[in-house]
Every structure is written in C-alpha cells, then in structure tokens.
Protein backbone atom coordinates (compact mmCIF):
# COMPACT_ATOMS: atom_id res chain seq x y z
CA MET A 1 -132.03 53.40 129.92
CA ARG A 2 -130.57 50.22 131.47
CA GLU A 3 -127.02 49.48 130.36
CA LYS A 4 -126.76 46.42 128.16
CA ARG A 5 -125.09 43.46 129.80
CA PRO A 6 -121.77 42.51 128.19
CA THR A 7 -121.76 39.33 126.11
CA VAL A 8 -119.05 36.80 125.35
CA ARG A 9 -118.66 38.50 121.97
CA ASP A 10 -118.06 41.86 123.72
CA ILE A 11 -115.42 40.33 126.00
CA ALA A 12 -113.67 38.72 123.04
CA GLN A 13 -113.65 41.97 121.07
CA ASP A 14 -112.26 44.04 123.96
CA ALA A 15 -109.63 41.43 124.84
CA GLY A 16 -108.60 40.97 121.21
CA VAL A 17 -109.17 37.20 121.23
CA SER A 18 -111.64 34.81 119.65
CA ILE A 19 -115.06 33.99 121.10
CA ALA A 20 -113.90 30.38 121.44
CA THR A 21 -110.95 31.49 123.60
CA VAL A 22 -113.22 33.48 125.92
CA SER A 23 -115.59 30.53 126.14
CA ARG A 24 -112.73 28.23 127.12
CA PHE A 25 -111.59 30.75 129.73
CA LEU A 26 -115.07 31.00 131.27
CA ASN A 27 -115.27 27.20 131.43
CA GLN A 28 -111.85 27.10 133.11
CA ASP A 29 -110.24 25.29 130.18
CA TYR A 30 -106.82 26.91 130.11
CA SER A 31 -105.03 24.36 127.92
CA ALA A 32 -102.70 26.01 125.38
CA MET A 33 -103.66 29.43 126.78
CA SER A 34 -100.84 31.77 127.79
CA ASP A 35 -100.77 33.57 131.12
CA ALA A 36 -100.88 36.89 129.27
CA THR A 37 -104.11 35.89 127.50
CA LYS A 38 -105.70 34.74 130.75
CA ARG A 39 -104.76 38.02 132.46
CA ARG A 40 -106.12 40.09 129.56
CA ILE A 41 -109.46 38.27 129.47
CA ASN A 42 -109.77 38.41 133.26
CA GLU A 43 -109.15 42.16 133.25
CA VAL A 44 -111.85 42.73 130.63
CA VAL A 45 -114.30 40.46 132.46
CA THR A 46 -113.70 42.44 135.65
CA GLU A 47 -113.92 45.86 133.97
CA ARG A 48 -117.11 45.02 132.10
CA GLY A 49 -118.72 43.32 135.12
CA TYR A 50 -119.44 40.18 133.13
CA VAL A 51 -121.28 37.49 135.17
CA ASN A 52 -120.71 33.90 134.11
CA GLN A 53 -124.21 32.59 134.88
CA LYS A 54 -123.39 29.02 133.96
CA ALA A 55 -120.33 28.84 136.18
CA ARG A 56 -122.14 30.56 139.05
CA ALA A 57 -125.10 28.16 138.83
CA GLU A 58 -122.89 25.11 138.68
CA ARG A 59 -121.13 26.17 141.89
CA THR A 60 -124.29 26.00 144.01
CA VAL A 61 -124.58 23.21 146.58
CA ALA A 62 -127.80 22.48 148.44
CA VAL A 63 -127.61 21.58 152.13
CA VAL A 64 -130.67 19.50 153.03
CA ILE A 65 -131.20 19.33 156.78
CA PRO A 66 -134.17 18.63 159.10
CA THR A 67 -134.39 21.80 161.18
CA LEU A 68 -132.58 24.78 162.65
CA THR A 69 -134.42 24.73 165.98
CA ASP A 70 -132.06 22.06 167.33
CA PRO A 71 -128.70 23.70 168.17
CA PHE A 72 -126.83 20.69 166.78
CA PHE A 73 -128.31 21.14 163.31
CA ALA A 74 -127.76 24.89 163.44
CA MET A 75 -124.11 24.22 164.28
CA THR A 76 -123.93 21.69 161.44
CA VAL A 77 -125.30 24.14 158.89
CA GLU A 78 -122.83 26.81 159.96
CA THR A 79 -119.86 24.43 159.76
CA VAL A 80 -120.82 22.89 156.40
CA SER A 81 -121.69 26.29 154.89
CA ASP A 82 -118.31 27.70 155.94
CA ASP A 83 -116.48 24.76 154.35
CA LEU A 84 -118.52 24.97 151.14
CA THR A 85 -117.96 28.71 150.86
CA ALA A 86 -114.23 28.23 151.39
CA ALA A 87 -114.30 25.69 148.56
CA GLY A 88 -115.85 28.28 146.23
CA PHE A 89 -119.49 27.17 146.36
CA SER A 90 -122.61 29.17 147.07
CA VAL A 91 -125.00 27.49 149.52
CA GLN A 92 -128.73 26.82 149.21
CA LEU A 93 -130.30 25.80 152.53
CA CYS A 94 -133.32 23.46 152.47
CA LEU A 95 -135.28 22.42 155.60
CA THR A 96 -137.27 19.17 155.56
CA HIS A 97 -138.94 19.56 159.00
CA ASP A 98 -138.45 15.82 159.65
CA SER A 99 -141.03 15.02 156.96
CA LEU A 100 -140.41 12.31 154.36
CA GLU A 101 -142.89 13.94 151.98
CA GLU A 102 -141.16 17.32 152.29
CA GLU A 103 -137.77 15.67 151.93
CA GLN A 104 -138.85 13.98 148.70
CA ARG A 105 -140.34 17.20 147.33
CA ILE A 106 -137.16 19.14 148.07
CA ILE A 107 -134.87 16.52 146.54
CA ARG A 108 -136.98 16.43 143.36
CA SER A 109 -136.71 20.22 143.09
CA LEU A 110 -132.91 20.01 143.35
CA LEU A 111 -132.46 17.59 140.45
CA ILE A 112 -131.62 20.43 138.06
CA PRO A 113 -128.35 21.54 136.42
CA ALA A 114 -128.27 24.73 138.49
CA VAL A 115 -127.46 22.62 141.59
CA ALA A 116 -124.01 21.06 141.40
CA GLY A 117 -124.45 18.75 144.37
CA ILE A 118 -126.19 18.06 147.65
CA VAL A 119 -125.09 17.59 151.26
CA TYR A 120 -127.90 15.45 152.63
CA MET A 121 -128.71 14.93 156.31
CA SER A 122 -131.88 13.01 157.10
CA THR A 123 -133.57 12.10 160.38
CA VAL A 124 -136.74 10.67 158.86
CA THR A 125 -137.55 7.52 160.84
CA SER A 126 -138.54 5.41 157.86
CA LYS A 127 -136.69 2.99 155.59
CA GLU A 128 -137.99 5.03 152.67
CA ASN A 129 -135.53 7.65 151.46
CA CYS A 130 -134.43 9.69 148.47
CA TYR A 131 -131.11 8.00 147.80
CA GLU A 132 -132.27 5.97 144.80
CA MET A 133 -133.86 9.08 143.26
CA LEU A 134 -130.54 10.92 143.51
CA LYS A 135 -128.50 8.02 142.19
CA ALA A 136 -130.85 7.50 139.24
CA LYS A 137 -130.34 11.11 138.18
CA GLY A 138 -126.58 10.94 138.69
CA LYS A 139 -126.64 13.94 141.02
CA PRO A 140 -123.48 14.22 143.15
CA PHE A 141 -124.37 13.97 146.83
CA VAL A 142 -122.91 13.03 150.16
CA VAL A 143 -124.86 11.74 153.13
CA LEU A 144 -123.84 13.38 156.39
CA ASP A 145 -124.28 11.49 159.66
CA SER A 146 -127.79 10.23 158.87
CA TYR A 147 -129.61 7.42 160.62
CA LEU A 148 -130.22 5.61 157.33
CA SER A 149 -126.49 5.35 156.70
CA GLU A 150 -126.62 1.60 155.99
CA TYR A 151 -128.01 2.30 152.52
CA ASN A 152 -125.72 2.10 149.52
CA VAL A 153 -124.80 5.71 148.77
CA PRO A 154 -121.92 7.14 146.73
CA ALA A 155 -120.39 8.98 149.69
CA LEU A 156 -120.99 8.89 153.41
CA ALA A 157 -119.42 10.80 156.31
CA PHE A 158 -120.63 9.81 159.75
CA SER A 159 -119.75 9.73 163.42
CA ASN A 160 -119.15 6.25 164.82
CA GLY A 161 -122.13 5.99 167.14
CA VAL A 162 -121.30 2.50 168.40
CA TYR A 163 -117.83 3.64 169.46
CA GLY A 164 -119.13 6.86 171.00
CA MET A 165 -121.94 5.35 173.03
CA TYR A 166 -119.80 2.41 174.10
CA ASN A 167 -117.25 4.84 175.57
CA VAL A 168 -119.93 6.97 177.24
CA THR A 169 -121.38 3.89 178.93
CA LYS A 170 -117.94 2.51 179.80
CA SER A 171 -117.00 5.83 181.43
CA LEU A 172 -120.05 5.66 183.69
CA LEU A 173 -119.35 2.01 184.52
CA GLU A 174 -115.80 2.92 185.52
CA LEU A 175 -117.27 5.48 187.93
CA GLY A 176 -119.24 2.74 189.65
CA HIS A 177 -122.63 3.16 187.95
CA ARG A 178 -124.44 -0.11 187.23
CA ARG A 179 -128.04 0.92 186.59
CA ILE A 180 -127.79 3.28 183.65
CA ALA A 181 -130.91 4.56 181.90
CA TYR A 182 -131.03 5.43 178.20
CA LEU A 183 -133.12 8.04 176.35
CA SER A 184 -133.24 7.99 172.54
CA GLY A 185 -135.19 9.45 169.65
CA LEU A 186 -135.36 6.18 167.76
CA ARG A 187 -137.52 3.21 168.59
CA TYR A 188 -135.16 0.29 168.77
CA GLY A 189 -136.22 -2.38 166.28
CA MET A 190 -137.52 -0.04 163.55
CA PHE A 191 -134.04 -0.19 162.08
CA GLU A 192 -130.55 -0.54 163.38
CA ASN A 193 -129.76 2.01 166.07
CA HIS A 194 -125.98 2.02 166.21
CA ARG A 195 -125.69 4.19 169.31
CA TYR A 196 -127.98 2.00 171.38
CA GLN A 197 -125.95 -1.02 170.33
CA GLY A 198 -122.85 0.65 171.76
CA TYR A 199 -124.65 1.08 175.09
CA VAL A 200 -125.75 -2.56 175.07
CA ASN A 201 -122.28 -3.82 174.18
CA ALA A 202 -120.63 -1.88 177.02
CA LEU A 203 -123.07 -3.28 179.58
CA LEU A 204 -122.64 -6.84 178.34
CA ASP A 205 -118.84 -6.54 178.28
CA ALA A 206 -119.03 -5.47 181.93
CA GLY A 207 -121.15 -8.51 182.76
CA ILE A 208 -124.30 -6.47 183.34
CA ALA A 209 -127.65 -7.62 181.96
CA VAL A 210 -129.50 -5.11 179.77
CA ASN A 211 -132.74 -3.96 181.38
CA PRO A 212 -135.14 -2.81 178.62
CA LYS A 213 -137.26 -1.07 181.27
CA LEU A 214 -134.48 1.53 181.63
CA ALA A 215 -134.72 2.62 177.98
CA ARG A 216 -137.13 5.10 176.41
CA PHE A 217 -137.45 5.89 172.69
CA LEU A 218 -139.50 8.99 172.02
CA GLY A 219 -137.76 11.89 170.27
CA PHE A 220 -134.78 14.25 170.40
CA SER A 221 -136.30 17.51 171.66
CA MET A 222 -136.33 18.99 175.14
CA ALA A 223 -140.05 18.26 175.38
CA ASP A 224 -139.35 14.62 174.48
CA GLY A 225 -136.73 14.52 177.23
CA ILE A 226 -139.21 15.82 179.78
CA SER A 227 -141.86 13.26 178.80
CA ALA A 228 -139.47 10.32 178.56
CA PHE A 229 -137.72 11.07 181.85
CA ARG A 230 -140.98 11.56 183.74
CA ASP A 231 -142.20 8.23 182.41
CA LEU A 232 -138.93 6.61 183.43
CA ARG A 233 -139.18 7.96 186.98
CA ALA A 234 -142.81 6.88 187.24
CA SER A 235 -141.82 3.31 186.33
CA GLY A 236 -140.22 2.77 189.72
CA GLU A 237 -137.01 1.44 188.18
CA ALA A 238 -133.89 2.51 190.08
CA PHE A 239 -131.00 4.14 188.21
CA THR A 240 -128.06 6.37 189.09
CA ALA A 241 -127.21 7.71 185.64
CA VAL A 242 -128.96 8.49 182.37
CA ILE A 243 -127.49 8.71 178.87
CA CYS A 244 -129.31 10.97 176.40
CA GLU A 245 -128.89 10.72 172.62
CA SER A 246 -129.02 14.50 172.29
CA ASP A 247 -128.21 17.49 174.47
CA GLN A 248 -131.80 18.62 174.00
CA LEU A 249 -133.03 15.41 175.62
CA ALA A 250 -130.61 16.04 178.48
CA ALA A 251 -132.01 19.56 178.88
CA GLY A 252 -135.42 17.95 179.40
CA VAL A 253 -133.94 15.71 182.10
CA TYR A 254 -132.45 18.79 183.79
CA ARG A 255 -135.85 20.50 183.75
CA VAL A 256 -137.58 17.59 185.50
CA CYS A 257 -134.76 17.25 188.02
CA ALA A 258 -135.03 20.95 188.89
CA GLN A 259 -138.78 20.65 189.35
CA GLU A 260 -138.59 17.50 191.48
CA GLY A 261 -135.55 18.37 193.61
CA VAL A 262 -133.18 15.85 192.04
CA SER A 263 -129.56 16.99 192.27
CA ILE A 264 -127.22 16.70 189.25
CA PRO A 265 -124.77 15.06 189.72
CA GLY A 266 -125.41 14.45 193.42
CA ASP A 267 -128.46 12.22 192.90
CA LEU A 268 -128.15 11.56 189.19
CA SER A 269 -125.36 11.63 186.61
CA VAL A 270 -126.40 12.85 183.15
CA VAL A 271 -124.58 12.58 179.80
CA GLY A 272 -125.64 14.10 176.48
CA PHE A 273 -124.67 13.65 172.86
CA ASN A 274 -123.62 16.25 170.20
CA ASN A 275 -121.75 18.67 172.48
CA SER A 276 -123.90 21.55 171.25
CA VAL A 277 -124.05 25.01 172.79
CA VAL A 278 -126.78 23.64 175.09
CA ALA A 279 -124.21 21.51 176.94
CA GLU A 280 -122.28 24.55 178.16
CA MET A 281 -125.42 26.56 178.98
CA LEU A 282 -126.89 24.00 181.38
CA ALA A 283 -126.13 24.19 185.09
CA PRO A 284 -124.09 22.24 185.91
CA PRO A 285 -122.45 22.10 182.47
CA LEU A 286 -123.31 18.86 180.69
CA THR A 287 -120.84 16.10 179.88
CA SER A 288 -121.46 15.32 176.23
CA MET A 289 -120.11 13.34 173.28
CA ASP A 290 -118.68 15.61 170.58
CA GLN A 291 -119.34 14.24 167.08
CA ARG A 292 -116.50 16.40 165.69
CA MET A 293 -118.60 18.04 163.04
CA ASP A 294 -115.61 20.06 161.88
CA LEU A 295 -113.91 16.88 160.64
CA LEU A 296 -117.15 15.39 159.31
CA SER A 297 -117.91 18.52 157.31
CA GLU A 298 -114.38 18.77 155.93
CA LYS A 299 -114.49 15.18 154.68
CA ALA A 300 -118.05 15.51 153.33
CA VAL A 301 -117.22 18.63 151.30
CA ARG A 302 -114.07 17.02 149.92
CA MET A 303 -116.02 13.93 148.79
CA LEU A 304 -118.67 16.11 147.16
CA GLN A 305 -116.03 18.13 145.34
CA GLN A 306 -114.48 14.94 143.98
CA GLN A 307 -117.84 13.82 142.60
CA ILE A 308 -118.63 17.23 141.07
CA ASN A 309 -115.20 17.28 139.40
CA GLY A 310 -115.68 13.79 138.02
CA GLU A 311 -112.87 12.37 140.13
CA SER A 312 -112.74 8.93 141.71
CA LEU A 313 -113.45 9.01 145.44
CA THR A 314 -110.39 8.34 147.58
CA ASN A 315 -112.68 6.92 150.28
CA ARG A 316 -116.39 6.32 149.79
CA VAL A 317 -117.04 6.11 153.53
CA GLU A 318 -115.46 8.39 156.13
CA LYS A 319 -116.02 7.34 159.75
CA ILE A 320 -115.06 9.71 162.57
CA GLU A 321 -114.57 8.64 166.17
CA PRO A 322 -116.45 11.03 168.49
CA MET A 323 -114.82 12.42 171.62
CA LEU A 324 -116.24 12.65 175.13
CA VAL A 325 -116.12 16.16 176.61
CA ALA A 326 -116.22 15.78 180.40
CA ARG A 327 -117.91 18.51 182.43
CA ASP A 328 -119.70 18.62 185.78
CA SER A 329 -122.83 16.52 185.25
CA ILE A 330 -121.41 13.14 186.30
CA ARG A 331 -119.86 11.87 189.52
CA SER A 332 -118.13 8.76 190.79
CA LEU A 333 -119.94 6.31 193.05
CA LEU A 334 -116.71 4.64 194.06
CA THR A 335 -115.51 5.12 197.62
CA ALA A 336 -112.13 6.78 197.78
CA PRO A 337 -109.52 4.67 199.60
CA GLU A 338 -108.68 5.81 203.10
CA ARG A 339 -105.34 7.53 203.54
CA THR A 340 -102.87 5.81 205.84
C-alpha cells in the first residue's frame, strides 16, 4: 500500500505548532517566528519528505528560445539555465523554431500560475510579437537580446549591436580594408537592424560610400552563408573582407572559400559575430564579436527576479558592450614601413 503523503496538518502536529504557522513557514513568511520554530518545522518537513507543490511551481521559469541547432543559442540556454538554477529556479525550456505561430502558442501555454516568469528570446522577423499578450496578463518576463528590442517591454537585456559592428568595421578599416562585404540574416528595411547601422556608420565616418551591392540579407545558418557568399562572388563586386552577423554564416563563407581555393586570410579576411564554439573550430580560427552572454544572462535573471518578487526594477534596460576576440582570420593590407 502506498504511503500517504504528509499534509500541512501532519507537519504542524509533529512540530508542535499551529497549521497557520506551518503555512507561513512554507510561504517563507518568517515574521515573528523564532529561529527555534523555523528549525523545528524544517526538520519535520525534511524527515517527512513533505513537498511544497505551490512553492516548487512558483519557482519555475520558462526559457523561450528559437533553436538549439545554432551553437550560439545552445550556449545561451546553458548560461541562462545555470544562472536561473543558481538563483533557486527550475527551468522549463521551450523551442519556437523561428515560427511566430509556435511562439504565440508557447507563450499562451505559459500564462499560468505554475510559471513564475519567462526569459524570452525571439528571432521572428515580423513586427508581430507576444509582448502585449504577456504584459496584459501581468506575467513577469525579460527580453534577452532579441531583434524586436525596440518594443516597450518591462525588462530588456541586450548586446549593443551598433557599437559592436561599428568596432568590427573600424578594425578592418584600420587594417587597410576599404571594400568590406556584409552578410546578415535580416533584410534591411523590414525593421531597424542595429548591427548593420553600425557597419554603415563606420564606413561613413571613414569617408567611404556604402555600396549596397556588397550586402546580402538571407539568414543566419551555415547554408545561408554558403548561398549568400556564392551570390556575392558571382556579382563581380570586388571586396577584401567580409563581416558575418553570425559565426554560422562565417562557416558558410569558409566552406565556399575552401571549395574555390580562396585563402583565409591571405585572399580574404573574415569576421563573425557571437564568438560561439564554431569560431574556435574553424581553420584558421575565426575572429568574432563576443556578445558577453555571461553578463547578459546575469542581468536578465536579476531583472526577472525583481519582477517576480514584486520589486521595482533598478534598471529597465541593460545594454552590454560586446568585445572583439581577435584570432587568425583577418590580416592587414597596410605595407609595413621599411627598416632603416
């Protein structure tokens, strides 16, 4: 016969306190409760194996993310999950597969008391989103480095794409590159692409006209990189460097270069974005912009905790400056001065 699960009444009886006192303890209301009483109740709870279902449910946070096939998102999930676990939350992982319909379905399913909050990362290329649905229900959530970050959300942690891409482009310009191609997953004009704007600003500040024929907007995968780079080479436009908005795109560029005998960095300098595990696996290792997901995750989890606890947010928006990690995929075109 299955052993009966202990109830609040059982805990109160064994601990020699009232049911109301046990209830307050389980809800973490320790006002006017002595340390001795707390220890006694905790000992009984542990001995009897009592599970506080309400507290356990309310400590669940859903992480909504597009995919795990991209190493950057896999790295993001691992980092965010570690930070949530350290903060005492259990984690529910939800994959949207880059589908607005799936994203909406998932968000609707999470609007229940059992989910305390949501870490939300979207790559859906549409101005439609689930933010208003979440705000209408009063569900605590934080948006993490999403492309639709211009929307009014209660909490946002993101990497400063303008700053990052400006510095990537500036670094190549300082090495003597003037014709720099650009591969992105977003079609410029659908909505504001902050990273592309950083690239444009750096060129203009250097007095270089922006050539739209050197830009391709297709997707973020390796296959997208292969297609976009082949199309770029077939255009006949000359370029000495290419900036990719993801390391996966850069991997596609590497594949085409290997097939067509293009040397990296001898014939072409390549820079990626995200500094994922892919960057170190490529040969030569890829120079890439690190979005510093460790800091983004830390700030996102803290903002979510503040909302869940009913606290006022210290900062509603947390902006992190990414950092360029230089490796062996770029070279200088400048002629070294002769020694005298």
